[in-house]
Amino acid sequence: MSEAKKITLTIDGKKIETTWGKTILEAARENGIYIPTMCYLTKVEPIASCRMCVVEVEGVDGMILSCQEKAVDGAVINTQTPALNKERQNIMKLYDVNHPLECGVCDKSGECELQNKTLEFDVDTQSFTARDQHRPTQNWGFISYDPSLCIMCERCVRVCTEIVGDEALAISAGGYKSTIVKTKDDSDCSQCGECMAVCPVGALVSTDFKYSANAWELRKIPASCFHCSSGCQLYYEVKHTSIDNPEPKIYRVTNEFEFSSLCGAGRFGFDFQKSFGKKDESAFKKAVKAFKEAQTIRFSSMITNEEALILSEIAKKHNKRLVCDEAYGYQKFLRAYQKASGKLLYSGNLKSLEKAQMAIVLGSRVYDDAPMVKFALSTATKREKAQIAYLHPIEDKRLQNIVTKFIKYEVGSEEGVVALWLIF
């Protein structure tokens, strides 16, 4: 692969270097130059609905959208001029029409991008008016939607389509009456909360979290999701509920939505009940004795990382053999695959999967087993026009927007199915 062509341009008097094919906004960001945006998200294609990212290019009439326009060699660009500032002020005034900024009862209070941009551009008067519409709040299960707070940035629609792949949200166009609508019922929606996470205002919020705490009251604890092997980045947002209770309560889970994603389990599966069985000292002693006498310990692959670590330490200390039938079978498959193809499967990751032009899913119900793999496959189909083959004993209609070819087979016949697939 040939090295990407380097180009040079000037932004706000600063000469920078970038690669051919990147937009002006991307070039500015990677060189520490700020251009305001409202609808832009790094992980989806440019939306271009807010026009906050407008810039001026010498030799070009009018203002252009930096999120869409490709950077060209030798271009001279200005991102901060009186005319641009005036344009952005007017955009914010239009956004603020009938949108309350008294955020005392809004879940975005303290982290509202609309409020931040209103203050940033010194919008203290309103030049525009519009007749308010009757827009009742809608309950979408884990998520609540308030159309009266929606600014139609389209972020939610784009992540649902490009990243999640459900295509469960759409725009009901009607000028000032436009709203976001659900096009599918709950059974066809991942209930992942991606739409809620990327919403810059309080239009899409967690139904359970709503009105329970303000953003500035919560302390963020960085962690990794434990629900599947993807290990996604997340924050547990907690606060102490009372002086008498030393344990902080988890109020919600968030993530760096600009660059990463979470499935429904990672975002909403934090409040399951913690229950412990009654302690039985005699049973515990019996188990310890069995461990000491055993030469081999057989275990299931469906164990936690902590349980795996305990087993590993026991094996080292007492010289035990650990046996897992599922892991052993997978190990044999990997060896056979490497021998036949000369490649290692361990080199794969979600980022490479997003850029794949073809993928084969064998025996895994990815919608439930590995949602982030499903997200990556969705991105590959949208951006790379990838061909996805899904081989499984049970058809999954929820993947119809992603899967190109489905092959159903009998349980236990995986080896034959793979052989036939390779032949054809």
Protein backbone atom coordinates (compact mmCIF):
# COMPACT_ATOMS: atom_id res chain seq x y z
CA MET A 1 0.00 0.00 0.00
CA SER A 2 1.43 3.36 -1.04
CA GLU A 3 1.93 6.03 1.58
CA ALA A 4 -0.84 8.66 1.78
CA LYS A 5 -0.02 11.91 -0.01
CA LYS A 6 0.96 14.77 2.28
CA ILE A 7 -0.45 18.25 1.75
CA THR A 8 0.16 21.61 3.40
CA LEU A 9 -2.42 24.28 4.19
CA THR A 10 -2.76 27.35 6.39
CA ILE A 11 -5.48 27.66 9.04
CA ASP A 12 -5.77 30.90 11.03
CA GLY A 13 -2.22 31.84 10.04
CA LYS A 14 -0.79 28.51 11.18
CA LYS A 15 0.83 26.31 8.52
CA ILE A 16 -0.10 22.67 9.06
CA GLU A 17 0.45 19.36 7.32
CA THR A 18 -2.16 16.66 6.80
CA THR A 19 -2.90 13.77 4.43
CA TRP A 20 -4.84 14.00 1.20
CA GLY A 21 -8.50 13.00 1.62
CA LYS A 22 -9.08 14.45 5.08
CA THR A 23 -11.62 17.19 5.62
CA ILE A 24 -10.73 20.69 6.79
CA LEU A 25 -12.29 19.89 10.17
CA GLU A 26 -10.22 16.72 10.57
CA ALA A 27 -7.04 18.57 9.59
CA ALA A 28 -7.79 21.36 12.07
CA ARG A 29 -8.56 18.98 14.93
CA GLU A 30 -5.45 16.89 14.50
CA ASN A 31 -3.40 20.09 14.71
CA GLY A 32 -5.13 21.49 17.78
CA ILE A 33 -7.22 24.13 15.98
CA TYR A 34 -10.76 24.55 17.30
CA ILE A 35 -13.75 24.71 14.97
CA PRO A 36 -17.14 24.59 16.75
CA THR A 37 -19.62 21.85 15.84
CA MET A 38 -22.99 20.68 17.08
CA CYS A 39 -24.05 17.75 14.90
CA TYR A 40 -20.57 16.35 14.10
CA LEU A 41 -19.50 12.96 15.47
CA THR A 42 -16.10 11.44 14.77
CA LYS A 43 -17.44 7.90 14.46
CA VAL A 44 -20.08 8.58 11.78
CA GLU A 45 -20.01 10.19 8.37
CA PRO A 46 -20.47 13.99 8.34
CA ILE A 47 -24.10 14.93 9.04
CA ALA A 48 -23.90 18.60 7.99
CA SER A 49 -27.16 19.64 9.64
CA CYS A 50 -25.95 22.31 12.09
CA ARG A 51 -23.65 24.54 9.91
CA MET A 52 -21.69 25.52 13.03
CA CYS A 53 -18.44 24.36 11.41
CA VAL A 54 -18.53 26.95 8.60
CA VAL A 55 -15.19 28.47 7.61
CA GLU A 56 -13.90 30.91 5.01
CA VAL A 57 -11.40 29.85 2.34
CA GLU A 58 -9.47 32.50 0.47
CA GLY A 59 -10.49 32.57 -3.18
CA VAL A 60 -13.83 30.85 -2.52
CA ASP A 61 -17.07 32.83 -2.30
CA GLY A 62 -19.26 32.33 0.74
CA MET A 63 -18.86 30.07 3.74
CA ILE A 64 -18.19 26.35 3.40
CA LEU A 65 -18.79 23.42 5.73
CA SER A 66 -15.47 22.23 7.09
CA CYS A 67 -16.90 18.84 8.08
CA GLN A 68 -17.57 17.96 4.43
CA GLU A 69 -15.04 19.93 2.41
CA LYS A 70 -11.77 18.13 1.72
CA ALA A 71 -8.55 19.95 2.52
CA VAL A 72 -6.54 20.88 -0.57
CA ASP A 73 -2.86 21.67 -0.88
CA GLY A 74 -2.03 25.35 -0.41
CA ALA A 75 -5.47 26.39 0.89
CA VAL A 76 -5.64 29.39 3.23
CA ILE A 77 -8.51 29.01 5.72
CA ASN A 78 -9.98 31.27 8.39
CA THR A 79 -12.11 29.78 11.14
CA GLN A 80 -12.62 32.88 13.31
CA THR A 81 -13.90 36.07 11.67
CA PRO A 82 -16.68 38.56 12.61
CA ALA A 83 -18.86 37.22 9.79
CA LEU A 84 -18.42 33.60 10.97
CA ASN A 85 -19.13 34.57 14.54
CA LYS A 86 -22.34 36.33 13.46
CA GLU A 87 -23.39 33.28 11.45
CA ARG A 88 -22.84 31.00 14.44
CA GLN A 89 -24.75 33.35 16.73
CA ASN A 90 -27.74 33.26 14.40
CA ILE A 91 -27.55 29.46 14.23
CA MET A 92 -27.64 29.29 18.03
CA LYS A 93 -30.60 31.68 18.17
CA LEU A 94 -32.51 29.40 15.82
CA TYR A 95 -31.61 26.40 17.97
CA ASP A 96 -32.75 28.26 21.08
CA VAL A 97 -36.20 29.10 19.75
CA ASN A 98 -38.64 27.61 22.28
CA HIS A 99 -35.83 25.54 23.80
CA PRO A 100 -35.58 26.35 27.53
CA LEU A 101 -32.09 26.94 28.87
CA GLU A 102 -33.13 26.79 32.53
CA CYS A 103 -31.73 23.30 32.96
CA GLY A 104 -32.64 22.62 36.60
CA VAL A 105 -34.82 19.63 35.73
CA CYS A 106 -33.03 18.44 32.59
CA ASP A 107 -30.68 15.46 32.66
CA LYS A 108 -28.24 17.33 30.44
CA SER A 109 -27.89 20.06 33.04
CA GLY A 110 -24.18 20.63 33.45
CA GLU A 111 -23.24 18.84 30.23
CA CYS A 112 -25.57 20.38 27.65
CA GLU A 113 -23.84 21.22 24.37
CA LEU A 114 -26.63 23.63 23.41
CA GLN A 115 -26.21 25.61 26.61
CA ASN A 116 -22.42 25.59 26.25
CA LYS A 117 -22.54 26.90 22.68
CA THR A 118 -25.13 29.56 23.60
CA LEU A 119 -22.76 30.90 26.24
CA GLU A 120 -19.71 30.49 24.00
CA PHE A 121 -21.16 32.78 21.32
CA ASP A 122 -22.62 35.33 23.75
CA VAL A 123 -26.20 34.79 22.69
CA ASP A 124 -28.10 36.86 25.25
CA THR A 125 -31.01 38.08 23.13
CA GLN A 126 -33.46 36.33 20.81
CA SER A 127 -34.27 37.75 17.36
CA PHE A 128 -36.45 34.88 16.15
CA THR A 129 -39.83 33.51 17.19
CA ALA A 130 -41.92 30.50 16.23
CA ARG A 131 -45.25 29.12 17.32
CA ASP A 132 -44.66 26.34 19.81
CA GLN A 133 -45.96 22.89 18.95
CA HIS A 134 -47.67 20.28 21.11
CA ARG A 135 -45.02 17.60 21.36
CA PRO A 136 -45.72 15.12 24.18
CA THR A 137 -42.87 13.12 25.71
CA GLN A 138 -42.61 9.56 24.44
CA ASN A 139 -41.49 6.49 26.40
CA TRP A 140 -39.32 4.14 24.35
CA GLY A 141 -38.56 1.66 27.13
CA PHE A 142 -35.08 2.31 28.49
CA ILE A 143 -35.09 5.67 26.71
CA SER A 144 -37.46 8.65 26.85
CA TYR A 145 -37.79 11.12 23.99
CA ASP A 146 -38.92 14.73 24.46
CA PRO A 147 -39.52 16.25 20.99
CA SER A 148 -39.87 19.75 22.48
CA LEU A 149 -36.17 19.66 23.40
CA CYS A 150 -34.96 18.07 20.15
CA ILE A 151 -32.81 20.27 17.88
CA MET A 152 -32.86 17.78 14.95
CA CYS A 153 -29.10 17.36 14.80
CA GLU A 154 -29.64 13.80 13.48
CA ARG A 155 -26.86 12.28 15.59
CA CYS A 156 -29.21 9.64 17.00
CA VAL A 157 -30.43 8.58 13.56
CA ARG A 158 -26.90 8.28 12.20
CA VAL A 159 -25.47 6.16 15.02
CA CYS A 160 -28.51 3.86 14.91
CA THR A 161 -28.03 3.40 11.18
CA GLU A 162 -24.26 3.50 10.68
CA ILE A 163 -22.92 2.07 13.95
CA VAL A 164 -25.65 -0.09 15.50
CA GLY A 165 -27.21 -1.15 12.22
CA ASP A 166 -30.79 -1.35 13.54
CA GLU A 167 -32.12 1.56 11.47
CA ALA A 168 -34.77 1.94 14.17
CA LEU A 169 -34.88 5.75 14.08
CA ALA A 170 -35.79 8.17 11.33
CA ILE A 171 -36.74 11.80 10.78
CA SER A 172 -40.39 12.65 10.34
CA ALA A 173 -39.90 15.69 8.13
CA GLY A 174 -42.27 18.61 8.56
CA GLY A 175 -40.29 21.80 8.78
CA TYR A 176 -40.51 23.22 12.27
CA LYS A 177 -42.79 20.29 13.22
CA SER A 178 -40.10 17.71 12.39
CA THR A 179 -39.39 15.05 15.01
CA ILE A 180 -37.45 11.82 15.46
CA VAL A 181 -39.63 8.71 15.21
CA LYS A 182 -39.13 5.03 15.93
CA THR A 183 -39.56 2.94 12.81
CA LYS A 184 -39.36 -0.41 14.59
CA ASP A 185 -40.79 -1.90 17.77
CA ASP A 186 -38.70 -2.83 20.82
CA SER A 187 -38.06 -6.39 19.60
CA ASP A 188 -36.20 -5.03 16.56
CA CYS A 189 -34.29 -2.36 18.50
CA SER A 190 -31.06 -3.18 20.36
CA GLN A 191 -32.07 -0.90 23.25
CA CYS A 192 -28.38 -0.01 23.40
CA GLY A 193 -28.79 3.66 24.31
CA GLU A 194 -26.35 4.87 21.65
CA CYS A 195 -28.92 7.40 20.46
CA MET A 196 -29.30 8.69 24.01
CA ALA A 197 -25.53 8.90 24.56
CA VAL A 198 -24.85 11.07 21.51
CA CYS A 199 -27.81 13.44 22.02
CA PRO A 200 -26.31 16.90 22.69
CA VAL A 201 -29.37 18.12 24.58
CA GLY A 202 -31.95 16.56 26.91
CA ALA A 203 -34.21 15.19 24.19
CA LEU A 204 -33.11 11.56 24.57
CA VAL A 205 -32.46 10.48 28.16
CA SER A 206 -32.45 7.36 30.30
CA THR A 207 -35.96 6.66 31.58
CA ASP A 208 -34.65 5.28 34.89
CA PHE A 209 -32.07 8.03 35.43
CA LYS A 210 -34.42 10.89 34.56
CA TYR A 211 -34.78 13.52 37.30
CA SER A 212 -32.64 11.48 39.74
CA ALA A 213 -29.35 13.47 39.78
CA ASN A 214 -27.43 16.28 38.10
CA ALA A 215 -24.28 15.65 36.09
CA TRP A 216 -22.06 17.68 38.42
CA GLU A 217 -23.19 15.64 41.46
CA LEU A 218 -21.82 12.40 40.03
CA ARG A 219 -18.26 11.09 40.25
CA LYS A 220 -16.96 9.17 37.23
CA ILE A 221 -15.16 5.89 37.87
CA PRO A 222 -13.37 4.58 34.73
CA ALA A 223 -13.83 0.88 34.05
CA SER A 224 -14.14 -1.78 31.36
CA CYS A 225 -17.39 -3.54 30.56
CA PHE A 226 -17.46 -7.16 31.70
CA HIS A 227 -20.53 -8.40 29.82
CA CYS A 228 -18.59 -9.75 26.82
CA SER A 229 -15.05 -10.13 25.51
CA SER A 230 -14.93 -6.69 23.86
CA GLY A 231 -14.02 -4.96 27.14
CA CYS A 232 -15.51 -1.61 26.11
CA GLN A 233 -14.49 1.59 27.89
CA LEU A 234 -17.10 3.04 30.23
CA TYR A 235 -17.65 5.16 33.33
CA TYR A 236 -19.68 4.24 36.37
CA GLU A 237 -21.22 7.50 37.55
CA VAL A 238 -21.81 7.34 41.29
CA LYS A 239 -22.63 9.41 44.35
CA HIS A 240 -23.25 8.75 48.03
CA THR A 241 -26.93 8.57 48.85
CA SER A 242 -26.58 9.18 52.59
CA ILE A 243 -24.01 9.76 55.33
CA ASP A 244 -24.89 6.45 56.97
CA ASN A 245 -24.26 4.43 53.80
CA PRO A 246 -20.52 4.34 52.93
CA GLU A 247 -21.14 2.57 49.61
CA PRO A 248 -21.78 4.94 46.66
CA LYS A 249 -24.74 4.19 44.41
CA ILE A 250 -24.33 3.75 40.66
CA TYR A 251 -26.74 6.13 38.95
CA ARG A 252 -25.81 5.51 35.33
CA VAL A 253 -23.14 4.28 32.92
CA THR A 254 -21.64 6.58 30.29
CA ASN A 255 -18.79 6.39 27.77
CA GLU A 256 -16.68 8.53 25.47
CA PHE A 257 -19.45 8.46 22.87
CA GLU A 258 -17.50 10.53 20.35
CA PHE A 259 -15.10 7.65 19.73
CA SER A 260 -16.55 4.51 21.34
CA SER A 261 -19.87 2.70 21.69
CA LEU A 262 -21.70 0.56 24.24
CA CYS A 263 -24.36 -2.11 23.90
CA GLY A 264 -27.47 -2.28 26.07
CA ALA A 265 -25.91 -4.68 28.56
CA GLY A 266 -22.93 -2.39 29.12
CA ARG A 267 -25.01 0.77 29.42
CA PHE A 268 -28.01 -0.48 31.39
CA GLY A 269 -26.90 -3.76 32.99
CA PHE A 270 -25.29 -2.26 36.10
CA ASP A 271 -28.09 -2.51 38.65
CA PHE A 272 -28.62 -6.27 38.86
CA GLN A 273 -29.22 -7.62 42.34
CA LYS A 274 -26.24 -8.61 44.41
CA SER A 275 -27.26 -11.71 46.33
CA PHE A 276 -25.07 -14.21 48.09
CA GLY A 277 -25.97 -17.71 49.18
CA LYS A 278 -25.90 -18.76 52.80
CA LYS A 279 -22.39 -19.64 53.98
CA ASP A 280 -21.92 -23.38 54.50
CA GLU A 281 -18.59 -24.05 56.19
CA SER A 282 -18.77 -27.83 55.80
CA ALA A 283 -19.46 -27.56 52.05
CA PHE A 284 -16.56 -25.11 51.69
CA LYS A 285 -14.18 -27.51 53.47
CA LYS A 286 -15.38 -30.35 51.26
CA ALA A 287 -14.68 -28.29 48.14
CA VAL A 288 -11.18 -27.35 49.36
CA LYS A 289 -10.42 -31.02 50.06
CA ALA A 290 -11.60 -32.02 46.59
CA PHE A 291 -9.35 -29.38 45.03
CA LYS A 292 -6.35 -30.67 46.97
CA GLU A 293 -6.92 -34.31 46.02
CA ALA A 294 -7.76 -33.75 42.37
CA GLN A 295 -5.07 -34.04 39.72
CA THR A 296 -7.21 -32.38 37.04
CA ILE A 297 -9.83 -29.63 37.30
CA ARG A 298 -12.42 -29.44 34.55
CA PHE A 299 -14.17 -26.10 34.22
CA SER A 300 -16.68 -24.36 31.96
CA SER A 301 -15.73 -21.60 29.55
CA MET A 302 -18.59 -19.51 30.96
CA ILE A 303 -16.72 -18.17 33.97
CA THR A 304 -15.72 -14.70 35.08
CA ASN A 305 -12.19 -13.27 34.80
CA GLU A 306 -11.93 -13.43 38.58
CA GLU A 307 -12.83 -17.13 38.63
CA ALA A 308 -10.34 -17.81 35.84
CA LEU A 309 -7.62 -16.05 37.86
CA ILE A 310 -8.45 -18.11 40.97
CA LEU A 311 -8.25 -21.34 38.97
CA SER A 312 -4.95 -20.26 37.45
CA GLU A 313 -3.45 -19.51 40.88
CA ILE A 314 -4.67 -22.86 42.24
CA ALA A 315 -3.11 -24.67 39.28
CA LYS A 316 0.24 -22.95 39.80
CA LYS A 317 0.37 -23.44 43.56
CA HIS A 318 -0.80 -27.06 43.69
CA ASN A 319 0.47 -28.25 40.28
CA LYS A 320 -2.98 -29.06 38.88
CA ARG A 321 -4.06 -29.56 35.27
CA LEU A 322 -6.85 -27.32 34.02
CA VAL A 323 -9.14 -28.74 31.34
CA CYS A 324 -11.88 -26.92 29.44
CA ASP A 325 -13.49 -28.91 26.63
CA GLU A 326 -14.76 -25.81 24.82
CA ALA A 327 -11.40 -24.05 24.98
CA TYR A 328 -9.58 -27.21 23.87
CA GLY A 329 -11.88 -27.60 20.89
CA TYR A 330 -11.33 -23.98 19.90
CA GLN A 331 -7.58 -24.42 20.28
CA LYS A 332 -7.64 -27.36 17.87
CA PHE A 333 -9.68 -25.32 15.41
CA LEU A 334 -7.17 -22.47 15.53
CA ARG A 335 -4.28 -24.84 14.89
CA ALA A 336 -6.07 -26.40 11.92
CA TYR A 337 -7.00 -22.98 10.54
CA GLN A 338 -3.41 -21.75 10.82
CA LYS A 339 -2.11 -24.87 9.14
CA ALA A 340 -4.53 -24.51 6.22
CA SER A 341 -4.38 -20.75 5.77
CA GLY A 342 -1.02 -19.76 7.24
CA LYS A 343 -2.76 -16.99 9.21
CA LEU A 344 -3.48 -16.37 12.87
CA LEU A 345 -7.01 -15.50 13.95
CA TYR A 346 -5.78 -13.79 17.10
CA SER A 347 -4.68 -10.75 15.08
CA GLY A 348 -8.28 -9.60 14.55
CA ASN A 349 -9.88 -6.67 16.34
CA LEU A 350 -13.02 -4.57 16.06
CA LYS A 351 -11.29 -1.76 14.17
CA SER A 352 -10.02 -4.10 11.47
CA LEU A 353 -13.48 -5.68 11.28
CA GLU A 354 -15.03 -2.26 10.64
CA LYS A 355 -12.79 -1.91 7.58
CA ALA A 356 -13.32 -5.46 6.29
CA GLN A 357 -14.76 -6.05 2.84
CA MET A 358 -15.96 -9.53 3.74
CA ALA A 359 -16.65 -11.38 6.99
CA ILE A 360 -17.90 -14.86 7.89
CA VAL A 361 -19.75 -15.36 11.19
CA LEU A 362 -19.78 -19.03 12.19
CA GLY A 363 -21.83 -20.42 15.07
CA SER A 364 -22.09 -17.20 17.07
CA ARG A 365 -25.35 -15.34 17.61
CA VAL A 366 -23.52 -12.03 17.49
CA TYR A 367 -26.58 -9.87 18.18
CA ASP A 368 -26.67 -11.35 21.70
CA ASP A 369 -23.27 -12.98 22.21
CA ALA A 370 -21.03 -10.14 21.02
CA PRO A 371 -23.00 -6.94 20.28
CA MET A 372 -19.87 -4.91 19.53
CA VAL A 373 -18.96 -7.38 16.77
CA LYS A 374 -22.43 -6.77 15.36
CA PHE A 375 -21.79 -3.00 15.56
CA ALA A 376 -18.48 -3.44 13.70
CA LEU A 377 -20.13 -5.56 11.00
CA SER A 378 -22.78 -2.89 10.59
CA THR A 379 -20.11 -0.22 10.08
CA ALA A 380 -18.36 -2.42 7.52
CA THR A 381 -21.53 -2.89 5.49
CA LYS A 382 -22.30 0.84 5.49
CA ARG A 383 -18.81 2.18 4.73
CA GLU A 384 -17.04 -0.65 2.91
CA LYS A 385 -20.09 -2.31 1.30
CA ALA A 386 -18.85 -5.48 3.01
CA GLN A 387 -20.32 -8.89 2.23
CA ILE A 388 -21.35 -10.64 5.46
CA ALA A 389 -22.00 -14.39 5.57
CA TYR A 390 -23.86 -15.59 8.66
CA LEU A 391 -23.67 -19.33 9.36
CA HIS A 392 -25.85 -20.50 12.26
CA PRO A 393 -28.46 -23.17 13.11
CA ILE A 394 -31.01 -20.42 13.87
CA GLU A 395 -31.81 -17.52 11.59
CA ASP A 396 -31.69 -14.07 13.20
CA LYS A 397 -34.01 -11.62 11.44
CA ARG A 398 -32.59 -8.78 13.51
CA LEU A 399 -29.47 -8.96 11.32
CA GLN A 400 -31.31 -8.57 8.01
CA ASN A 401 -29.88 -5.06 7.51
CA ILE A 402 -26.35 -6.41 7.84
CA VAL A 403 -26.17 -10.01 6.60
CA THR A 404 -25.69 -10.59 2.88
CA LYS A 405 -25.94 -14.39 2.93
CA PHE A 406 -27.44 -16.66 5.60
CA ILE A 407 -26.62 -20.38 5.74
CA LYS A 408 -28.58 -22.58 8.12
CA TYR A 409 -27.08 -25.88 9.22
CA GLU A 410 -27.69 -28.64 11.73
CA VAL A 411 -26.00 -28.39 15.11
CA GLY A 412 -22.73 -30.31 15.10
CA SER A 413 -22.16 -30.11 11.36
CA GLU A 414 -19.98 -27.00 11.47
CA GLU A 415 -16.94 -28.71 9.96
CA GLY A 416 -18.85 -29.84 6.89
CA VAL A 417 -20.48 -26.45 6.46
CA VAL A 418 -17.12 -24.69 6.53
CA ALA A 419 -15.71 -27.18 3.99
CA LEU A 420 -18.65 -26.58 1.63
CA TRP A 421 -18.36 -22.82 2.08
CA LEU A 422 -14.66 -22.91 1.17
CA ILE A 423 -15.42 -24.98 -1.92
CA PHE A 424 -18.05 -22.56 -3.22
